[in-house]
PDB file of N, CA and C in Angstrom:
ATOM      1  N   MET A   1      64.418  -3.962  54.988  1.00  0.00           N
ATOM      2  CA  MET A   1      64.362  -2.823  55.881  1.00  0.00           C
ATOM      3  C   MET A   1      63.018  -2.130  55.688  1.00  0.00           C
ATOM      4  N   SER A   2      62.378  -1.793  56.787  1.00  0.00           N
ATOM      5  CA  SER A   2      61.065  -1.169  56.698  1.00  0.00           C
ATOM      6  C   SER A   2      61.200   0.310  56.370  1.00  0.00           C
ATOM      7  N   PHE A   3      60.083   0.892  55.988  1.00  0.00           N
ATOM      8  CA  PHE A   3      60.037   2.321  55.680  1.00  0.00           C
ATOM      9  C   PHE A   3      60.448   3.143  56.894  1.00  0.00           C
ATOM     10  N   ILE A   4      59.938   2.770  58.060  1.00  0.00           N
ATOM     11  CA  ILE A   4      60.233   3.530  59.280  1.00  0.00           C
ATOM     12  C   ILE A   4      61.719   3.454  59.610  1.00  0.00           C
ATOM     13  N   THR A   5      62.290   2.268  59.498  1.00  0.00           N
ATOM     14  CA  THR A   5      63.716   2.112  59.774  1.00  0.00           C
ATOM     15  C   THR A   5      64.552   2.953  58.819  1.00  0.00           C
ATOM     16  N   SER A   6      64.184   2.949  57.540  1.00  0.00           N
ATOM     17  CA  SER A   6      64.938   3.741  56.566  1.00  0.00           C
ATOM     18  C   SER A   6      64.794   5.233  56.846  1.00  0.00           C
ATOM     19  N   GLN A   7      63.613   5.665  57.282  1.00  0.00           N
ATOM     20  CA  GLN A   7      63.412   7.073  57.615  1.00  0.00           C
ATOM     21  C   GLN A   7      64.250   7.471  58.827  1.00  0.00           C
ATOM     22  N   LEU A   8      64.359   6.570  59.798  1.00  0.00           N
ATOM     23  CA  LEU A   8      65.194   6.857  60.962  1.00  0.00           C
ATOM     24  C   LEU A   8      66.653   7.031  60.553  1.00  0.00           C
ATOM     25  N   LYS A   9      67.117   6.196  59.647  1.00  0.00           N
ATOM     26  CA  LYS A   9      68.506   6.300  59.192  1.00  0.00           C
ATOM     27  C   LYS A   9      68.731   7.613  58.446  1.00  0.00           C
ATOM     28  N   ILE A  10      67.766   8.019  57.614  1.00  0.00           N
ATOM     29  CA  ILE A  10      67.872   9.291  56.892  1.00  0.00           C
ATOM     30  C   ILE A  10      67.899  10.441  57.892  1.00  0.00           C
ATOM     31  N   HIS A  11      66.998  10.390  58.885  1.00  0.00           N
ATOM     32  CA  HIS A  11      66.945  11.429  59.913  1.00  0.00           C
ATOM     33  C   HIS A  11      68.277  11.493  60.661  1.00  0.00           C
ATOM     34  N   HIS A  12      68.817  10.339  60.967  1.00  0.00           N
ATOM     35  CA  HIS A  12      70.073  10.265  61.706  1.00  0.00           C
ATOM     36  C   HIS A  12      71.203  10.924  60.914  1.00  0.00           C
ATOM     37  N   HIS A  13      71.251  10.734  59.621  1.00  0.00           N
ATOM     38  CA  HIS A  13      72.327  11.278  58.800  1.00  0.00           C
ATOM     39  C   HIS A  13      72.122  12.763  58.503  1.00  0.00           C
ATOM     40  N   ASN A  14      70.898  13.255  58.526  1.00  0.00           N
ATOM     41  CA  ASN A  14      70.612  14.627  58.119  1.00  0.00           C
ATOM     42  C   ASN A  14      70.602  15.628  59.267  1.00  0.00           C
ATOM     43  N   THR A  15      70.638  15.183  60.492  1.00  0.00           N
ATOM     44  CA  THR A  15      70.554  16.122  61.610  1.00  0.00           C
ATOM     45  C   THR A  15      71.692  15.881  62.584  1.00  0.00           C
ATOM     46  N   MET A  16      72.031  16.947  63.272  1.00  0.00           N
ATOM     47  CA  MET A  16      72.999  16.821  64.351  1.00  0.00           C
ATOM     48  C   MET A  16      72.201  16.461  65.600  1.00  0.00           C
ATOM     49  N   GLU A  17      72.529  15.341  66.203  1.00  0.00           N
ATOM     50  CA  GLU A  17      71.776  14.878  67.356  1.00  0.00           C
ATOM     51  C   GLU A  17      72.649  14.900  68.596  1.00  0.00           C
ATOM     52  N   SER A  18      72.000  15.116  69.716  1.00  0.00           N
ATOM     53  CA  SER A  18      72.712  14.998  70.983  1.00  0.00           C
ATOM     54  C   SER A  18      72.916  13.512  71.259  1.00  0.00           C
ATOM     55  N   PRO A  19      73.827  13.167  72.162  1.00  0.00           N
ATOM     56  CA  PRO A  19      74.002  11.744  72.500  1.00  0.00           C
ATOM     57  C   PRO A  19      72.705  11.108  72.998  1.00  0.00           C
ATOM     58  N   HIS A  20      71.902  11.888  73.727  1.00  0.00           N
ATOM     59  CA  HIS A  20      70.627  11.366  74.228  1.00  0.00           C
ATOM     60  C   HIS A  20      69.693  11.039  73.063  1.00  0.00           C
ATOM     61  N   GLU A  21      69.605  11.937  72.090  1.00  0.00           N
ATOM     62  CA  GLU A  21      68.759  11.683  70.916  1.00  0.00           C
ATOM     63  C   GLU A  21      69.276  10.491  70.121  1.00  0.00           C
ATOM     64  N   HIS A  22      70.587  10.391  70.036  1.00  0.00           N
ATOM     65  CA  HIS A  22      71.180   9.264  69.314  1.00  0.00           C
ATOM     66  C   HIS A  22      70.826   7.949  70.008  1.00  0.00           C
ATOM     67  N   GLN A  23      70.921   7.927  71.342  1.00  0.00           N
ATOM     68  CA  GLN A  23      70.581   6.722  72.106  1.00  0.00           C
ATOM     69  C   GLN A  23      69.111   6.368  71.911  1.00  0.00           C
ATOM     70  N   GLN A  24      68.236   7.384  71.956  1.00  0.00           N
ATOM     71  CA  GLN A  24      66.809   7.142  71.739  1.00  0.00           C
ATOM     72  C   GLN A  24      66.558   6.597  70.336  1.00  0.00           C
ATOM     73  N   SER A  25      67.265   7.132  69.369  1.00  0.00           N
ATOM     74  CA  SER A  25      67.116   6.674  67.990  1.00  0.00           C
ATOM     75  C   SER A  25      67.537   5.215  67.850  1.00  0.00           C
ATOM     76  N   LEU A  26      68.630   4.841  68.495  1.00  0.00           N
ATOM     77  CA  LEU A  26      69.085   3.450  68.455  1.00  0.00           C
ATOM     78  C   LEU A  26      68.071   2.525  69.121  1.00  0.00           C
ATOM     79  N   LEU A  27      67.546   2.951  70.272  1.00  0.00           N
ATOM     80  CA  LEU A  27      66.546   2.137  70.965  1.00  0.00           C
ATOM     81  C   LEU A  27      65.287   1.988  70.124  1.00  0.00           C
ATOM     82  N   LEU A  28      64.857   3.081  69.502  1.00  0.00           N
ATOM     83  CA  LEU A  28      63.674   3.031  68.651  1.00  0.00           C
ATOM     84  C   LEU A  28      63.905   2.094  67.469  1.00  0.00           C
ATOM     85  N   SER A  29      65.094   2.133  66.902  1.00  0.00           N
ATOM     86  CA  SER A  29      65.418   1.224  65.795  1.00  0.00           C
ATOM     87  C   SER A  29      65.342  -0.230  66.244  1.00  0.00           C
ATOM     88  N   ARG A  30      65.871  -0.521  67.431  1.00  0.00           N
ATOM     89  CA  ARG A  30      65.813  -1.896  67.956  1.00  0.00           C
ATOM     90  C   ARG A  30      64.375  -2.325  68.198  1.00  0.00           C
ATOM     91  N   ILE A  31      63.571  -1.414  68.742  1.00  0.00           N
ATOM     92  CA  ILE A  31      62.157  -1.725  68.987  1.00  0.00           C
ATOM     93  C   ILE A  31      61.458  -2.033  67.673  1.00  0.00           C
ATOM     94  N   ILE A  32      61.708  -1.220  66.666  1.00  0.00           N
ATOM     95  CA  ILE A  32      61.060  -1.418  65.362  1.00  0.00           C
ATOM     96  C   ILE A  32      61.456  -2.758  64.761  1.00  0.00           C
ATOM     97  N   VAL A  33      62.731  -3.097  64.820  1.00  0.00           N
ATOM     98  CA  VAL A  33      63.195  -4.381  64.283  1.00  0.00           C
ATOM     99  C   VAL A  33      62.531  -5.535  65.034  1.00  0.00           C
ATOM    100  N   ASN A  34      62.448  -5.411  66.359  1.00  0.00           N
ATOM    101  CA  ASN A  34      61.828  -6.476  67.152  1.00  0.00           C
ATOM    102  C   ASN A  34      60.337  -6.602  66.872  1.00  0.00           C
ATOM    103  N   VAL A  35      59.653  -5.484  66.668  1.00  0.00           N
ATOM    104  CA  VAL A  35      58.226  -5.527  66.335  1.00  0.00           C
ATOM    105  C   VAL A  35      58.029  -6.161  64.960  1.00  0.00           C
ATOM    106  N   GLU A  36      58.912  -5.858  64.019  1.00  0.00           N
ATOM    107  CA  GLU A  36      58.826  -6.489  62.697  1.00  0.00           C
ATOM    108  C   GLU A  36      59.002  -8.002  62.808  1.00  0.00           C
ATOM    109  N   LYS A  37      59.964  -8.439  63.623  1.00  0.00           N
ATOM    110  CA  LYS A  37      60.173  -9.880  63.835  1.00  0.00           C
ATOM    111  C   LYS A  37      58.958 -10.506  64.506  1.00  0.00           C
ATOM    112  N   LEU A  38      58.385  -9.796  65.482  1.00  0.00           N
ATOM    113  CA  LEU A  38      57.185 -10.284  66.165  1.00  0.00           C
ATOM    114  C   LEU A  38      56.026 -10.426  65.181  1.00  0.00           C
ATOM    115  N   ASN A  39      55.859  -9.442  64.311  1.00  0.00           N
ATOM    116  CA  ASN A  39      54.795  -9.514  63.304  1.00  0.00           C
ATOM    117  C   ASN A  39      54.981 -10.722  62.387  1.00  0.00           C
ATOM    118  N   GLU A  40      56.217 -10.988  61.993  1.00  0.00           N
ATOM    119  CA  GLU A  40      56.491 -12.161  61.154  1.00  0.00           C
ATOM    120  C   GLU A  40      56.155 -13.448  61.902  1.00  0.00           C
ATOM    121  N   ALA A  41      56.533 -13.520  63.175  1.00  0.00           N
ATOM    122  CA  ALA A  41      56.254 -14.719  63.978  1.00  0.00           C
ATOM    123  C   ALA A  41      54.754 -14.919  64.150  1.00  0.00           C
ATOM    124  N   ILE A  42      54.022 -13.836  64.373  1.00  0.00           N
ATOM    125  CA  ILE A  42      52.568 -13.939  64.529  1.00  0.00           C
ATOM    126  C   ILE A  42      51.920 -14.353  63.220  1.00  0.00           C
ATOM    127  N   ALA A  43      52.422 -13.840  62.104  1.00  0.00           N
ATOM    128  CA  ALA A  43      51.884 -14.246  60.800  1.00  0.00           C
ATOM    129  C   ALA A  43      52.101 -15.744  60.585  1.00  0.00           C
ATOM    130  N   THR A  44      53.274 -16.250  60.952  1.00  0.00           N
ATOM    131  CA  THR A  44      53.557 -17.686  60.838  1.00  0.00           C
ATOM    132  C   THR A  44      52.644 -18.486  61.760  1.00  0.00           C
ATOM    133  N   LEU A  45      52.467 -18.005  62.981  1.00  0.00           N
ATOM    134  CA  LEU A  45      51.576 -18.670  63.935  1.00  0.00           C
ATOM    135  C   LEU A  45      50.152 -18.725  63.393  1.00  0.00           C
ATOM    136  N   ASN A  46      49.666 -17.608  62.861  1.00  0.00           N
ATOM    137  CA  ASN A  46      48.311 -17.577  62.298  1.00  0.00           C
ATOM    138  C   ASN A  46      48.165 -18.556  61.142  1.00  0.00           C
ATOM    139  N   LYS A  47      49.187 -18.636  60.290  1.00  0.00           N
ATOM    140  CA  LYS A  47      49.147 -19.567  59.154  1.00  0.00           C
ATOM    141  C   LYS A  47      49.075 -21.005  59.663  1.00  0.00           C
ATOM    142  N   ASN A  48      49.900 -21.328  60.659  1.00  0.00           N
ATOM    143  CA  ASN A  48      49.904 -22.684  61.216  1.00  0.00           C
ATOM    144  C   ASN A  48      48.587 -23.017  61.901  1.00  0.00           C
ATOM    145  N   LEU A  49      48.027 -22.060  62.638  1.00  0.00           N
ATOM    146  CA  LEU A  49      46.737 -22.293  63.289  1.00  0.00           C
ATOM    147  C   LEU A  49      45.632 -22.508  62.262  1.00  0.00           C
ATOM    148  N   GLN A  50      45.694 -21.774  61.166  1.00  0.00           N
ATOM    149  CA  GLN A  50      44.700 -21.952  60.107  1.00  0.00           C
ATOM    150  C   GLN A  50      44.803 -23.359  59.516  1.00  0.00           C
ATOM    151  N   GLU A  51      46.024 -23.836  59.298  1.00  0.00           N
ATOM    152  CA  GLU A  51      46.217 -25.195  58.781  1.00  0.00           C
ATOM    153  C   GLU A  51      45.695 -26.238  59.773  1.00  0.00           C
ATOM    154  N   ILE A  52      45.947 -26.024  61.056  1.00  0.00           N
ATOM    155  CA  ILE A  52      45.458 -26.952  62.087  1.00  0.00           C
ATOM    156  C   ILE A  52      43.937 -26.960  62.101  1.00  0.00           C
ATOM    157  N   ASN A  53      43.337 -25.771  62.051  1.00  0.00           N
ATOM    158  CA  ASN A  53      41.872 -25.685  62.048  1.00  0.00           C
ATOM    159  C   ASN A  53      41.274 -26.384  60.835  1.00  0.00           C
ATOM    160  N   LEU A  54      41.902 -26.234  59.677  1.00  0.00           N
ATOM    161  CA  LEU A  54      41.412 -26.931  58.482  1.00  0.00           C
ATOM    162  C   LEU A  54      41.529 -28.440  58.655  1.00  0.00           C
ATOM    163  N   GLY A  55      42.625 -28.883  59.254  1.00  0.00           N
ATOM    164  CA  GLY A  55      42.820 -30.310  59.494  1.00  0.00           C
ATOM    165  C   GLY A  55      41.836 -30.877  60.502  1.00  0.00           C
ATOM    166  N   ASN A  56      41.399 -30.049  61.438  1.00  0.00           N
ATOM    167  CA  ASN A  56      40.463 -30.503  62.466  1.00  0.00           C
ATOM    168  C   ASN A  56      39.015 -30.518  61.991  1.00  0.00           C
ATOM    169  N   MET A  57      38.732 -29.902  60.857  1.00  0.00           N
ATOM    170  CA  MET A  57      37.348 -29.823  60.389  1.00  0.00           C
ATOM    171  C   MET A  57      36.750 -31.206  60.154  1.00  0.00           C
ATOM    172  N   ASP A  58      37.517 -32.122  59.572  1.00  0.00           N
ATOM    173  CA  ASP A  58      37.017 -33.476  59.324  1.00  0.00           C
ATOM    174  C   ASP A  58      36.708 -34.191  60.639  1.00  0.00           C
ATOM    175  N   THR A  59      37.601 -34.051  61.608  1.00  0.00           N
ATOM    176  CA  THR A  59      37.385 -34.676  62.911  1.00  0.00           C
ATOM    177  C   THR A  59      36.137 -34.106  63.577  1.00  0.00           C
ATOM    178  N   GLU A  60      35.977 -32.808  63.493  1.00  0.00           N
ATOM    179  CA  GLU A  60      34.806 -32.157  64.078  1.00  0.00           C
ATOM    180  C   GLU A  60      33.523 -32.633  63.398  1.00  0.00           C
ATOM    181  N   LEU A  61      33.574 -32.783  62.082  1.00  0.00           N
ATOM    182  CA  LEU A  61      32.406 -33.257  61.334  1.00  0.00           C
ATOM    183  C   LEU A  61      32.036 -34.681  61.750  1.00  0.00           C
ATOM    184  N   VAL A  62      33.019 -35.571  61.841  1.00  0.00           N
ATOM    185  CA  VAL A  62      32.759 -36.957  62.245  1.00  0.00           C
ATOM    186  C   VAL A  62      32.207 -37.001  63.670  1.00  0.00           C
ATOM    187  N   ALA A  63      32.757 -36.191  64.560  1.00  0.00           N
ATOM    188  CA  ALA A  63      32.265 -36.150  65.941  1.00  0.00           C
ATOM    189  C   ALA A  63      30.808 -35.692  65.978  1.00  0.00           C
ATOM    190  N   GLN A  64      30.469 -34.691  65.189  1.00  0.00           N
ATOM    191  CA  GLN A  64      29.086 -34.206  65.145  1.00  0.00           C
ATOM    192  C   GLN A  64      28.156 -35.265  64.552  1.00  0.00           C
ATOM    193  N   MET A  65      28.622 -35.954  63.512  1.00  0.00           N
ATOM    194  CA  MET A  65      27.812 -37.022  62.910  1.00  0.00           C
ATOM    195  C   MET A  65      27.558 -38.135  63.927  1.00  0.00           C
ATOM    196  N   PHE A  66      28.587 -38.521  64.669  1.00  0.00           N
ATOM    197  CA  PHE A  66      28.426 -39.575  65.670  1.00  0.00           C
ATOM    198  C   PHE A  66      27.462 -39.134  66.767  1.00  0.00           C
ATOM    199  N   LYS A  67      27.574 -37.887  67.197  1.00  0.00           N
ATOM    200  CA  LYS A  67      26.673 -37.368  68.226  1.00  0.00           C
ATOM    201  C   LYS A  67      25.225 -37.412  67.732  1.00  0.00           C
ATOM    202  N   ASN A  68      25.007 -36.995  66.487  1.00  0.00           N
ATOM    203  CA  ASN A  68      23.655 -37.041  65.920  1.00  0.00           C
ATOM    204  C   ASN A  68      23.155 -38.482  65.805  1.00  0.00           C
ATOM    205  N   TYR A  69      24.036 -39.384  65.376  1.00  0.00           N
ATOM    206  CA  TYR A  69      23.669 -40.798  65.250  1.00  0.00           C
ATOM    207  C   TYR A  69      23.282 -41.356  66.619  1.00  0.00           C
ATOM    208  N   GLN A  70      24.091 -41.070  67.627  1.00  0.00           N
ATOM    209  CA  GLN A  70      23.825 -41.551  68.982  1.00  0.00           C
ATOM    210  C   GLN A  70      22.481 -41.012  69.481  1.00  0.00           C
ATOM    211  N   SER A  71      22.215 -39.757  69.211  1.00  0.00           N
ATOM    212  CA  SER A  71      20.948 -39.141  69.610  1.00  0.00           C
ATOM    213  C   SER A  71      19.768 -39.818  68.915  1.00  0.00           C
ATOM    214  N   ASN A  72      19.931 -40.091  67.616  1.00  0.00           N
ATOM    215  CA  ASN A  72      18.862 -40.750  66.856  1.00  0.00           C
ATOM    216  C   ASN A  72      18.613 -42.177  67.351  1.00  0.00           C
ATOM    217  N   VAL A  73      19.681 -42.905  67.644  1.00  0.00           N
ATOM    218  CA  VAL A  73      19.544 -44.275  68.150  1.00  0.00           C
ATOM    219  C   VAL A  73      18.820 -44.260  69.491  1.00  0.00           C
ATOM    220  N   LEU A  74      19.216 -43.367  70.372  1.00  0.00           N
ATOM    221  CA  LEU A  74      18.575 -43.268  71.679  1.00  0.00           C
ATOM    222  C   LEU A  74      17.090 -42.934  71.530  1.00  0.00           C
ATOM    223  N   PHE A  75      16.779 -41.985  70.664  1.00  0.00           N
ATOM    224  CA  PHE A  75      15.379 -41.619  70.435  1.00  0.00           C
ATOM    225  C   PHE A  75      14.586 -42.817  69.910  1.00  0.00           C
ATOM    226  N   HIS A  76      15.161 -43.528  68.939  1.00  0.00           N
ATOM    227  CA  HIS A  76      14.480 -44.688  68.348  1.00  0.00           C
ATOM    228  C   HIS A  76      14.250 -45.785  69.392  1.00  0.00           C
ATOM    229  N   LEU A  77      15.276 -46.068  70.190  1.00  0.00           N
ATOM    230  CA  LEU A  77      15.140 -47.104  71.218  1.00  0.00           C
ATOM    231  C   LEU A  77      14.081 -46.723  72.250  1.00  0.00           C
ATOM    232  N   GLU A  78      14.048 -45.463  72.647  1.00  0.00           N
ATOM    233  CA  GLU A  78      13.027 -45.024  73.603  1.00  0.00           C
ATOM    234  C   GLU A  78      11.633 -45.074  72.978  1.00  0.00           C
ATOM    235  N   ALA A  79      11.531 -44.683  71.710  1.00  0.00           N
ATOM    236  CA  ALA A  79      10.234 -44.658  71.026  1.00  0.00           C
ATOM    237  C   ALA A  79       9.686 -46.063  70.802  1.00  0.00           C
ATOM    238  N   THR A  80      10.572 -47.034  70.639  1.00  0.00           N
ATOM    239  CA  THR A  80      10.124 -48.407  70.374  1.00  0.00           C
ATOM    240  C   THR A  80      10.208 -49.281  71.623  1.00  0.00           C
ATOM    241  N   SER A  81      10.434 -48.670  72.752  1.00  0.00           N
ATOM    242  CA  SER A  81      10.582 -49.390  74.021  1.00  0.00           C
ATOM    243  C   SER A  81      11.679 -50.446  73.945  1.00  0.00           C
ATOM    244  N   GLY A  82      12.644 -50.218  73.106  1.00  0.00           N
ATOM    245  CA  GLY A  82      13.747 -51.162  72.957  1.00  0.00           C
ATOM    246  C   GLY A  82      14.892 -50.874  73.898  1.00  0.00           C
ATOM    247  N   LEU A  83      14.801 -49.778  74.664  1.00  0.00           N
ATOM    248  CA  LEU A  83      15.874 -49.410  75.579  1.00  0.00           C
ATOM    249  C   LEU A  83      15.672 -50.144  76.899  1.00  0.00           C
ATOM    250  N   LYS A  84      16.657 -50.922  77.277  1.00  0.00           N
ATOM    251  CA  LYS A  84      16.579 -51.686  78.520  1.00  0.00           C
ATOM    252  C   LYS A  84      17.631 -51.161  79.479  1.00  0.00           C
ATOM    253  N   ASP A  85      17.343 -51.260  80.749  1.00  0.00           N
ATOM    254  CA  ASP A  85      18.316 -50.850  81.758  1.00  0.00           C
ATOM    255  C   ASP A  85      19.542 -51.749  81.664  1.00  0.00           C
ATOM    256  N   PRO A  86      20.733 -51.198  81.944  1.00  0.00           N
ATOM    257  CA  PRO A  86      21.941 -52.030  81.908  1.00  0.00           C
ATOM    258  C   PRO A  86      21.852 -53.140  82.949  1.00  0.00           C
ATOM    259  N   ALA A  87      22.430 -54.269  82.635  1.00  0.00           N
ATOM    260  CA  ALA A  87      22.366 -55.432  83.532  1.00  0.00           C
ATOM    261  C   ALA A  87      23.272 -55.240  84.714  1.00  0.00           C
TER     262      ALA A  87
END
């Protein structure tokens, strides 16, 4: 239970509330619980995305290495006149 939720419960027990205030208090409690659940879900999502990004780093590195290699080969072939038009 969060601090805010516990404070709402204390407030609810310590004051005489109208039915309207009671309804608002219940709605606020539901909103708080849902926001807490949303925060947990977002934290899990962020953790999973971080793991995916770490896993993709090797793939990204290999792709960059291949791109650099391809660029170097093309430069070398052009510099040595070894590049021929496709047949």
